């Protein structure tokens, strides 16, 4: 079941995507508190990359399962207790950790 709030947010993203992307290819999007947001897959399918942060490992696993994506899982030594889930094509990277701990971590 998809909530009305999600659909409203997705429609805004869809409506304004050209403005946000501004002609660029391979834009990197950050999804804090990403949960199972299907727009992450939508953006990746368009050639962009997605970095998400979610505290719930179950939500991350459900996202990959529901989107039929294979992924790898590894520890993130720089963030105590954190895990990294990455789609096989490398376009979606989800960090399972506290958002505040993630904010201290520098993305390469």
C-alpha atoms as a PDB file:
ATOM      1  CA  UNK A   1       0.000   0.000   0.000  1.00  0.00           C
ATOM      2  CA  UNK A   2       1.373   3.396  -0.976  1.00  0.00           C
ATOM      3  CA  UNK A   3       0.413   6.368   1.180  1.00  0.00           C
ATOM      4  CA  UNK A   4      -1.106   9.566  -0.183  1.00  0.00           C
ATOM      5  CA  UNK A   5       1.763  11.527   1.380  1.00  0.00           C
ATOM      6  CA  UNK A   6       4.248   9.428  -0.602  1.00  0.00           C
ATOM      7  CA  UNK A   7       2.343   9.875  -3.861  1.00  0.00           C
ATOM      8  CA  UNK A   8       2.198  13.611  -3.294  1.00  0.00           C
ATOM      9  CA  UNK A   9       5.944  13.765  -2.656  1.00  0.00           C
ATOM     10  CA  UNK A  10       6.710  11.533  -5.655  1.00  0.00           C
ATOM     11  CA  UNK A  11       4.545  13.667  -7.929  1.00  0.00           C
ATOM     12  CA  UNK A  12       6.449  16.766  -6.807  1.00  0.00           C
ATOM     13  CA  UNK A  13       9.757  15.061  -7.562  1.00  0.00           C
ATOM     14  CA  UNK A  14       8.458  13.881 -10.932  1.00  0.00           C
ATOM     15  CA  UNK A  15       7.117  17.355 -11.767  1.00  0.00           C
ATOM     16  CA  UNK A  16      10.328  19.186 -10.836  1.00  0.00           C
ATOM     17  CA  UNK A  17      12.954  16.599 -11.781  1.00  0.00           C
ATOM     18  CA  UNK A  18      14.074  18.474 -14.909  1.00  0.00           C
ATOM     19  CA  UNK A  19      14.673  21.586 -12.809  1.00  0.00           C
ATOM     20  CA  UNK A  20      16.608  19.649 -10.176  1.00  0.00           C
ATOM     21  CA  UNK A  21      18.706  17.734 -12.692  1.00  0.00           C
ATOM     22  CA  UNK A  22      19.203  20.805 -14.914  1.00  0.00           C
ATOM     23  CA  UNK A  23      20.422  18.756 -17.879  1.00  0.00           C
ATOM     24  CA  UNK A  24      23.051  16.858 -15.885  1.00  0.00           C
ATOM     25  CA  UNK A  25      23.518  13.098 -16.206  1.00  0.00           C
ATOM     26  CA  UNK A  26      24.283  10.775 -13.311  1.00  0.00           C
ATOM     27  CA  UNK A  27      23.159  13.134 -10.549  1.00  0.00           C
ATOM     28  CA  UNK A  28      23.720  11.833  -7.014  1.00  0.00           C
ATOM     29  CA  UNK A  29      20.612  11.997  -4.801  1.00  0.00           C
ATOM     30  CA  UNK A  30      20.615  11.697  -1.011  1.00  0.00           C
ATOM     31  CA  UNK A  31      17.602  10.090   0.676  1.00  0.00           C
ATOM     32  CA  UNK A  32      17.818  10.555   4.450  1.00  0.00           C
ATOM     33  CA  UNK A  33      15.387   8.258   6.294  1.00  0.00           C
ATOM     34  CA  UNK A  34      14.820   6.485   2.970  1.00  0.00           C
ATOM     35  CA  UNK A  35      12.802   3.506   4.179  1.00  0.00           C
ATOM     36  CA  UNK A  36      11.554   1.634   1.097  1.00  0.00           C
ATOM     37  CA  UNK A  37      11.022   4.698  -1.117  1.00  0.00           C
ATOM     38  CA  UNK A  38      10.383   3.417  -4.640  1.00  0.00           C
ATOM     39  CA  UNK A  39      11.527   6.693  -6.167  1.00  0.00           C
ATOM     40  CA  UNK A  40      15.105   5.581  -5.380  1.00  0.00           C
ATOM     41  CA  UNK A  41      14.727   2.823  -7.996  1.00  0.00           C
ATOM     42  CA  UNK A  42      12.971   5.218 -10.367  1.00  0.00           C
ATOM     43  CA  UNK A  43      15.913   7.640 -10.218  1.00  0.00           C
ATOM     44  CA  UNK A  44      18.468   4.831 -10.582  1.00  0.00           C
ATOM     45  CA  UNK A  45      16.600   3.515 -13.638  1.00  0.00           C
ATOM     46  CA  UNK A  46      17.009   6.987 -15.146  1.00  0.00           C
ATOM     47  CA  UNK A  47      20.803   6.732 -14.761  1.00  0.00           C
ATOM     48  CA  UNK A  48      21.224   8.659 -11.520  1.00  0.00           C
ATOM     49  CA  UNK A  49      22.841   7.357  -8.345  1.00  0.00           C
ATOM     50  CA  UNK A  50      21.142   7.184  -4.974  1.00  0.00           C
ATOM     51  CA  UNK A  51      22.600   7.249  -1.481  1.00  0.00           C
ATOM     52  CA  UNK A  52      20.127   6.463   1.271  1.00  0.00           C
ATOM     53  CA  UNK A  53      20.313   6.341   5.039  1.00  0.00           C
ATOM     54  CA  UNK A  54      17.926   4.177   7.028  1.00  0.00           C
ATOM     55  CA  UNK A  55      18.120   2.853  10.570  1.00  0.00           C
ATOM     56  CA  UNK A  56      15.955  -0.200   9.831  1.00  0.00           C
ATOM     57  CA  UNK A  57      17.828  -3.077   8.232  1.00  0.00           C
ATOM     58  CA  UNK A  58      14.488  -4.782   7.579  1.00  0.00           C
ATOM     59  CA  UNK A  59      13.255  -1.804   5.524  1.00  0.00           C
ATOM     60  CA  UNK A  60      16.438  -1.876   3.436  1.00  0.00           C
ATOM     61  CA  UNK A  61      16.170  -5.606   2.807  1.00  0.00           C
ATOM     62  CA  UNK A  62      12.485  -5.218   1.896  1.00  0.00           C
ATOM     63  CA  UNK A  63      13.339  -2.417  -0.534  1.00  0.00           C
ATOM     64  CA  UNK A  64      15.818  -4.573  -2.442  1.00  0.00           C
ATOM     65  CA  UNK A  65      13.477  -7.570  -2.364  1.00  0.00           C
ATOM     66  CA  UNK A  66      10.382  -5.633  -3.479  1.00  0.00           C
ATOM     67  CA  UNK A  67      12.333  -3.967  -6.303  1.00  0.00           C
ATOM     68  CA  UNK A  68      13.847  -7.319  -7.394  1.00  0.00           C
ATOM     69  CA  UNK A  69      17.384  -5.982  -6.971  1.00  0.00           C
ATOM     70  CA  UNK A  70      20.391  -8.057  -6.024  1.00  0.00           C
ATOM     71  CA  UNK A  71      22.779  -6.425  -3.581  1.00  0.00           C
ATOM     72  CA  UNK A  72      25.896  -6.842  -1.502  1.00  0.00           C
ATOM     73  CA  UNK A  73      26.157  -6.165   2.196  1.00  0.00           C
ATOM     74  CA  UNK A  74      29.247  -5.097   4.136  1.00  0.00           C
ATOM     75  CA  UNK A  75      30.251  -3.399   7.355  1.00  0.00           C
ATOM     76  CA  UNK A  76      31.227   0.273   7.387  1.00  0.00           C
ATOM     77  CA  UNK A  77      34.265   0.496   9.682  1.00  0.00           C
ATOM     78  CA  UNK A  78      34.076   4.308   9.883  1.00  0.00           C
ATOM     79  CA  UNK A  79      30.566   4.146  11.411  1.00  0.00           C
ATOM     80  CA  UNK A  80      30.308   1.824  14.414  1.00  0.00           C
ATOM     81  CA  UNK A  81      27.568  -0.775  13.899  1.00  0.00           C
ATOM     82  CA  UNK A  82      26.714   0.446  10.390  1.00  0.00           C
ATOM     83  CA  UNK A  83      26.193  -1.676   7.301  1.00  0.00           C
ATOM     84  CA  UNK A  84      26.306  -0.778   3.637  1.00  0.00           C
ATOM     85  CA  UNK A  85      23.861  -2.318   1.156  1.00  0.00           C
ATOM     86  CA  UNK A  86      24.739  -1.740  -2.486  1.00  0.00           C
ATOM     87  CA  UNK A  87      22.820  -2.754  -5.595  1.00  0.00           C
ATOM     88  CA  UNK A  88      24.733  -4.993  -7.988  1.00  0.00           C
ATOM     89  CA  UNK A  89      24.866  -2.218 -10.592  1.00  0.00           C
ATOM     90  CA  UNK A  90      26.225   0.221  -7.972  1.00  0.00           C
ATOM     91  CA  UNK A  91      23.520   2.832  -8.577  1.00  0.00           C
ATOM     92  CA  UNK A  92      21.817   2.455  -5.182  1.00  0.00           C
ATOM     93  CA  UNK A  93      23.814   2.550  -1.948  1.00  0.00           C
ATOM     94  CA  UNK A  94      21.924   2.379   1.341  1.00  0.00           C
ATOM     95  CA  UNK A  95      23.560   2.868   4.712  1.00  0.00           C
ATOM     96  CA  UNK A  96      21.925   1.141   7.655  1.00  0.00           C
ATOM     97  CA  UNK A  97      22.765   3.413  10.556  1.00  0.00           C
ATOM     98  CA  UNK A  98      21.652   6.349  12.625  1.00  0.00           C
ATOM     99  CA  UNK A  99      21.383   9.497  10.482  1.00  0.00           C
ATOM    100  CA  UNK A 100      23.401  11.485  13.036  1.00  0.00           C
ATOM    101  CA  UNK A 101      26.264   8.982  12.879  1.00  0.00           C
ATOM    102  CA  UNK A 102      26.110   9.079   9.087  1.00  0.00           C
ATOM    103  CA  UNK A 103      26.376  12.868   9.039  1.00  0.00           C
ATOM    104  CA  UNK A 104      29.852  12.545  10.596  1.00  0.00           C
ATOM    105  CA  UNK A 105      30.913  10.162   7.811  1.00  0.00           C
ATOM    106  CA  UNK A 106      32.322  11.679   4.649  1.00  0.00           C
ATOM    107  CA  UNK A 107      31.067  10.277   1.349  1.00  0.00           C
ATOM    108  CA  UNK A 108      33.711   9.641  -1.297  1.00  0.00           C
END
